[in-house]
Amino acid sequence: MEGDLVERNLNNHTEQDNQIEYVEVWEDLVSIRDLVISLIICVVTTLGLYFVAPNNSSMPLFLGLFGALLGFGICSFIFKPKRNFIEDKEGK
């Protein structure tokens, strides 16, 4: 029964993979659409807070870094992980 479940999960996973185009980035497969949207969100939040910052000595740097973290947080809520981890009987 457990083997059937694993086989069905693998079949469902391969059907979904055929519909989405992936590209390899840093030895990981990512969706091109999700990657481009994430880059746009992070660029907009980083540059937006950088240009809004007062022209003090270090405020643009700190607000730009905060904008990058804010963009990362937004992207992590929008895009959920698409990996399926399957553990076999040996625990590998």
Protein backbone atom coordinates (compact mmCIF):
# COMPACT_ATOMS: atom_id res chain seq x y z
CA MET A 1 0.00 0.00 0.00
CA GLU A 2 2.81 2.40 0.86
CA GLY A 3 4.50 1.66 -2.48
CA ASP A 4 1.28 2.57 -4.33
CA LEU A 5 1.11 5.88 -2.50
CA VAL A 6 4.70 6.74 -3.40
CA GLU A 7 4.14 5.73 -7.01
CA ARG A 8 0.98 7.87 -7.27
CA ASN A 9 2.81 10.86 -5.76
CA LEU A 10 5.62 10.44 -8.27
CA ASN A 11 3.15 10.19 -11.16
CA ASN A 12 1.29 13.31 -10.02
CA HIS A 13 4.58 15.16 -9.59
CA THR A 14 5.78 14.30 -13.11
CA GLU A 15 2.44 15.38 -14.63
CA GLN A 16 2.77 18.78 -12.95
CA ASP A 17 6.41 19.09 -14.04
CA ASN A 18 5.43 18.65 -17.67
CA GLN A 19 3.18 21.71 -17.51
CA ILE A 20 5.69 24.08 -15.84
CA GLU A 21 9.01 25.05 -17.40
CA TYR A 22 11.93 24.97 -14.98
CA VAL A 23 15.43 26.41 -15.24
CA GLU A 24 18.45 25.43 -13.14
CA VAL A 25 19.79 28.12 -10.80
CA TRP A 26 22.55 27.27 -8.31
CA GLU A 27 21.92 23.53 -8.70
CA ASP A 28 18.19 23.90 -8.02
CA LEU A 29 15.22 23.89 -10.40
CA VAL A 30 12.99 26.97 -10.32
CA SER A 31 9.99 28.14 -12.30
CA ILE A 32 10.94 30.94 -14.70
CA ARG A 33 7.67 32.78 -14.06
CA ASP A 34 8.09 32.69 -10.26
CA LEU A 35 11.74 33.74 -10.56
CA VAL A 36 10.95 36.79 -12.71
CA ILE A 37 8.08 37.91 -10.47
CA SER A 38 10.28 37.50 -7.37
CA LEU A 39 13.05 39.55 -8.95
CA ILE A 40 10.62 42.33 -9.85
CA ILE A 41 9.16 42.41 -6.32
CA CYS A 42 12.61 42.51 -4.68
CA VAL A 43 13.92 45.21 -7.03
CA VAL A 44 10.85 47.39 -6.50
CA THR A 45 10.95 47.13 -2.70
CA THR A 46 14.74 47.60 -2.47
CA LEU A 47 14.99 50.58 -4.81
CA GLY A 48 11.73 52.05 -3.55
CA LEU A 49 12.94 52.24 0.04
CA TYR A 50 16.43 53.31 -1.08
CA PHE A 51 15.10 56.33 -2.97
CA VAL A 52 12.57 57.25 -0.24
CA ALA A 53 15.30 57.34 2.42
CA PRO A 54 16.51 60.72 3.68
CA ASN A 55 19.94 61.66 2.37
CA ASN A 56 21.74 61.08 5.68
CA SER A 57 25.03 59.22 5.75
CA SER A 58 23.76 55.64 6.16
CA MET A 59 19.96 55.77 5.92
CA PRO A 60 19.76 54.80 2.20
CA LEU A 61 21.89 51.73 2.91
CA PHE A 62 19.77 50.59 5.85
CA LEU A 63 16.44 51.22 4.16
CA GLY A 64 17.67 49.53 0.96
CA LEU A 65 18.66 46.45 2.96
CA PHE A 66 15.32 46.52 4.76
CA GLY A 67 13.61 46.74 1.35
CA ALA A 68 15.49 43.64 0.19
CA LEU A 69 14.39 41.74 3.31
CA LEU A 70 10.83 42.98 2.85
CA GLY A 71 10.83 41.78 -0.76
CA PHE A 72 12.16 38.39 0.34
CA GLY A 73 9.40 38.13 2.95
CA ILE A 74 6.71 39.02 0.43
CA CYS A 75 8.02 36.46 -2.07
CA SER A 76 8.21 33.74 0.56
CA PHE A 77 4.52 34.22 1.33
CA ILE A 78 3.44 34.38 -2.32
CA PHE A 79 5.43 31.42 -3.65
CA LYS A 80 5.23 28.18 -1.68
CA PRO A 81 7.86 25.42 -2.06
CA LYS A 82 7.06 22.93 -4.81
CA ARG A 83 9.26 20.08 -3.61
CA ASN A 84 7.96 16.69 -2.57
CA PHE A 85 10.28 14.75 -0.30
CA ILE A 86 9.72 11.02 -0.33
CA GLU A 87 11.37 8.93 2.36
CA ASP A 88 11.98 5.27 1.63
CA LYS A 89 12.05 2.44 4.14
CA GLU A 90 15.80 2.80 4.76
CA GLY A 91 15.41 6.44 5.82
CA LYS A 92 17.35 7.96 2.90
